C-alpha atoms as a PDB file:
ATOM      1  CA  UNK A   1      17.761  -7.857   5.611  1.00  0.00           C
ATOM      2  CA  UNK A   2      15.086  -7.101   3.020  1.00  0.00           C
ATOM      3  CA  UNK A   3      16.031  -6.273  -0.559  1.00  0.00           C
ATOM      4  CA  UNK A   4      13.960  -4.469  -3.147  1.00  0.00           C
ATOM      5  CA  UNK A   5      15.207  -4.574  -6.720  1.00  0.00           C
ATOM      6  CA  UNK A   6      13.865  -2.267  -9.379  1.00  0.00           C
ATOM      7  CA  UNK A   7      14.792  -0.605 -12.640  1.00  0.00           C
ATOM      8  CA  UNK A   8      14.071  -3.395 -15.086  1.00  0.00           C
ATOM      9  CA  UNK A   9      12.025  -2.963 -18.196  1.00  0.00           C
ATOM     10  CA  UNK A  10      11.831  -3.417 -21.943  1.00  0.00           C
ATOM     11  CA  UNK A  11      14.791  -2.091 -23.891  1.00  0.00           C
ATOM     12  CA  UNK A  12      16.081  -2.484 -27.420  1.00  0.00           C
ATOM     13  CA  UNK A  13      19.289  -4.331 -28.155  1.00  0.00           C
ATOM     14  CA  UNK A  14      22.246  -2.029 -27.651  1.00  0.00           C
ATOM     15  CA  UNK A  15      20.488  -0.039 -24.983  1.00  0.00           C
ATOM     16  CA  UNK A  16      21.226   0.497 -21.323  1.00  0.00           C
ATOM     17  CA  UNK A  17      19.542   0.269 -17.954  1.00  0.00           C
ATOM     18  CA  UNK A  18      20.504   0.827 -14.371  1.00  0.00           C
ATOM     19  CA  UNK A  19      19.148  -1.613 -11.860  1.00  0.00           C
ATOM     20  CA  UNK A  20      18.941  -0.679  -8.206  1.00  0.00           C
ATOM     21  CA  UNK A  21      18.639  -2.797  -5.101  1.00  0.00           C
ATOM     22  CA  UNK A  22      17.626  -1.016  -1.934  1.00  0.00           C
ATOM     23  CA  UNK A  23      18.236  -2.750   1.375  1.00  0.00           C
ATOM     24  CA  UNK A  24      16.335  -2.279   4.593  1.00  0.00           C
ATOM     25  CA  UNK A  25      16.468  -3.803   8.034  1.00  0.00           C
ATOM     26  CA  UNK A  26      20.240  -3.696   8.244  1.00  0.00           C
ATOM     27  CA  UNK A  27      23.161  -1.801   6.821  1.00  0.00           C
ATOM     28  CA  UNK A  28      24.845  -3.385   3.813  1.00  0.00           C
ATOM     29  CA  UNK A  29      28.119  -1.664   4.435  1.00  0.00           C
ATOM     30  CA  UNK A  30      29.751  -4.699   5.976  1.00  0.00           C
ATOM     31  CA  UNK A  31      28.561  -7.310   3.537  1.00  0.00           C
ATOM     32  CA  UNK A  32      29.346  -8.627   0.109  1.00  0.00           C
ATOM     33  CA  UNK A  33      26.600  -8.140  -2.432  1.00  0.00           C
ATOM     34  CA  UNK A  34      25.832  -9.413  -5.871  1.00  0.00           C
ATOM     35  CA  UNK A  35      23.513  -9.617  -8.809  1.00  0.00           C
ATOM     36  CA  UNK A  36      22.315 -12.835 -10.406  1.00  0.00           C
ATOM     37  CA  UNK A  37      19.948 -13.515 -13.251  1.00  0.00           C
ATOM     38  CA  UNK A  38      17.701 -16.303 -14.379  1.00  0.00           C
ATOM     39  CA  UNK A  39      16.444 -16.662 -17.909  1.00  0.00           C
ATOM     40  CA  UNK A  40      13.426 -18.860 -18.744  1.00  0.00           C
ATOM     41  CA  UNK A  41      14.386 -22.489 -18.650  1.00  0.00           C
ATOM     42  CA  UNK A  42      17.866 -21.780 -17.362  1.00  0.00           C
ATOM     43  CA  UNK A  43      19.589 -21.896 -14.027  1.00  0.00           C
ATOM     44  CA  UNK A  44      20.313 -18.797 -12.000  1.00  0.00           C
ATOM     45  CA  UNK A  45      23.763 -17.446 -12.819  1.00  0.00           C
ATOM     46  CA  UNK A  46      26.114 -14.923 -11.315  1.00  0.00           C
ATOM     47  CA  UNK A  47      26.183 -11.573 -13.085  1.00  0.00           C
ATOM     48  CA  UNK A  48      28.359  -9.507 -10.755  1.00  0.00           C
ATOM     49  CA  UNK A  49      29.522  -9.413  -7.160  1.00  0.00           C
ATOM     50  CA  UNK A  50      31.289  -6.922  -4.971  1.00  0.00           C
ATOM     51  CA  UNK A  51      33.136  -7.299  -1.679  1.00  0.00           C
ATOM     52  CA  UNK A  52      31.970  -5.473   1.419  1.00  0.00           C
ATOM     53  CA  UNK A  53      34.551  -2.750   0.895  1.00  0.00           C
ATOM     54  CA  UNK A  54      33.962  -2.409  -2.809  1.00  0.00           C
ATOM     55  CA  UNK A  55      37.602  -3.179  -3.426  1.00  0.00           C
ATOM     56  CA  UNK A  56      36.945  -6.451  -5.204  1.00  0.00           C
ATOM     57  CA  UNK A  57      34.507  -7.124  -7.996  1.00  0.00           C
ATOM     58  CA  UNK A  58      33.888 -10.095 -10.226  1.00  0.00           C
ATOM     59  CA  UNK A  59      31.693 -10.553 -13.292  1.00  0.00           C
ATOM     60  CA  UNK A  60      30.179 -13.417 -15.192  1.00  0.00           C
ATOM     61  CA  UNK A  61      31.918 -14.032 -18.505  1.00  0.00           C
ATOM     62  CA  UNK A  62      28.857 -13.173 -20.663  1.00  0.00           C
ATOM     63  CA  UNK A  63      28.583  -9.684 -19.164  1.00  0.00           C
ATOM     64  CA  UNK A  64      32.180  -8.746 -18.560  1.00  0.00           C
ATOM     65  CA  UNK A  65      32.958  -5.340 -20.043  1.00  0.00           C
ATOM     66  CA  UNK A  66      29.269  -4.441 -20.422  1.00  0.00           C
ATOM     67  CA  UNK A  67      27.936  -4.502 -16.849  1.00  0.00           C
ATOM     68  CA  UNK A  68      29.220  -2.598 -13.844  1.00  0.00           C
ATOM     69  CA  UNK A  69      28.333  -3.208 -10.198  1.00  0.00           C
ATOM     70  CA  UNK A  70      28.603  -0.424  -7.672  1.00  0.00           C
ATOM     71  CA  UNK A  71      27.322   0.349  -4.193  1.00  0.00           C
ATOM     72  CA  UNK A  72      26.399   3.381  -2.162  1.00  0.00           C
ATOM     73  CA  UNK A  73      26.540   2.370   1.474  1.00  0.00           C
ATOM     74  CA  UNK A  74      25.146   5.725   2.585  1.00  0.00           C
ATOM     75  CA  UNK A  75      21.990   4.980   0.588  1.00  0.00           C
ATOM     76  CA  UNK A  76      22.092   1.284   1.499  1.00  0.00           C
ATOM     77  CA  UNK A  77      21.815   0.509  -2.183  1.00  0.00           C
ATOM     78  CA  UNK A  78      23.688  -1.540  -4.759  1.00  0.00           C
ATOM     79  CA  UNK A  79      23.483  -0.834  -8.465  1.00  0.00           C
ATOM     80  CA  UNK A  80      24.016  -2.685 -11.697  1.00  0.00           C
ATOM     81  CA  UNK A  81      24.671  -0.571 -14.762  1.00  0.00           C
ATOM     82  CA  UNK A  82      23.969  -2.680 -17.808  1.00  0.00           C
ATOM     83  CA  UNK A  83      24.999  -1.557 -21.268  1.00  0.00           C
ATOM     84  CA  UNK A  84      25.224  -2.872 -24.812  1.00  0.00           C
ATOM     85  CA  UNK A  85      22.291  -5.099 -24.013  1.00  0.00           C
ATOM     86  CA  UNK A  86      21.704  -8.235 -26.067  1.00  0.00           C
ATOM     87  CA  UNK A  87      18.553 -10.319 -26.422  1.00  0.00           C
ATOM     88  CA  UNK A  88      20.300 -13.088 -24.483  1.00  0.00           C
ATOM     89  CA  UNK A  89      20.492 -10.746 -21.477  1.00  0.00           C
ATOM     90  CA  UNK A  90      16.740 -11.124 -21.095  1.00  0.00           C
ATOM     91  CA  UNK A  91      16.129 -12.502 -17.613  1.00  0.00           C
ATOM     92  CA  UNK A  92      14.887 -11.767 -14.147  1.00  0.00           C
ATOM     93  CA  UNK A  93      17.682 -10.033 -12.270  1.00  0.00           C
ATOM     94  CA  UNK A  94      18.029 -10.664  -8.549  1.00  0.00           C
ATOM     95  CA  UNK A  95      20.166  -8.918  -5.985  1.00  0.00           C
ATOM     96  CA  UNK A  96      21.699 -10.796  -3.090  1.00  0.00           C
ATOM     97  CA  UNK A  97      23.477  -9.882   0.118  1.00  0.00           C
ATOM     98  CA  UNK A  98      25.692 -12.301   2.001  1.00  0.00           C
ATOM     99  CA  UNK A  99      25.292 -11.945   5.745  1.00  0.00           C
ATOM    100  CA  UNK A 100      27.457 -14.274   7.817  1.00  0.00           C
ATOM    101  CA  UNK A 101      27.528 -16.781   4.953  1.00  0.00           C
ATOM    102  CA  UNK A 102      23.732 -16.684   4.605  1.00  0.00           C
ATOM    103  CA  UNK A 103      22.299 -15.311   1.367  1.00  0.00           C
ATOM    104  CA  UNK A 104      19.310 -12.998   1.320  1.00  0.00           C
ATOM    105  CA  UNK A 105      17.524 -12.398  -1.980  1.00  0.00           C
ATOM    106  CA  UNK A 106      15.397  -9.670  -3.424  1.00  0.00           C
ATOM    107  CA  UNK A 107      12.279 -10.396  -5.440  1.00  0.00           C
ATOM    108  CA  UNK A 108      13.852  -9.772  -8.851  1.00  0.00           C
ATOM    109  CA  UNK A 109      13.285  -7.301 -11.619  1.00  0.00           C
ATOM    110  CA  UNK A 110      12.604  -8.316 -15.213  1.00  0.00           C
ATOM    111  CA  UNK A 111      14.823  -7.111 -18.025  1.00  0.00           C
ATOM    112  CA  UNK A 112      13.580  -7.813 -21.540  1.00  0.00           C
ATOM    113  CA  UNK A 113      15.790  -6.994 -24.492  1.00  0.00           C
ATOM    114  CA  UNK A 114      14.197  -6.838 -27.923  1.00  0.00           C
ATOM    115  CA  UNK A 115      16.158  -7.423 -31.091  1.00  0.00           C
END
């Protein structure tokens, strides 16, 4: 599975973005997917994850209530709607798909939030 994340950019605090992660090489419909982020000098952390059916979602504490993960299996794409952005949300955002307990990662898309 290959993943291509896009949609990042420079946004002012309080603004919103929608990140997309398009998959190719296999259908994502049967797999759990997630978004992670890594800020400079920090470890990669979970932002949001969704079960294969979409019936279960979980969010990292810093983003809960502001970010929403969704998926469109017909488009083989997972999304991350990010709102009420804060400067501390600045990071490279990565999408991930879990295939038979093996994680596949996209290349990341940079989100920069200015104060």
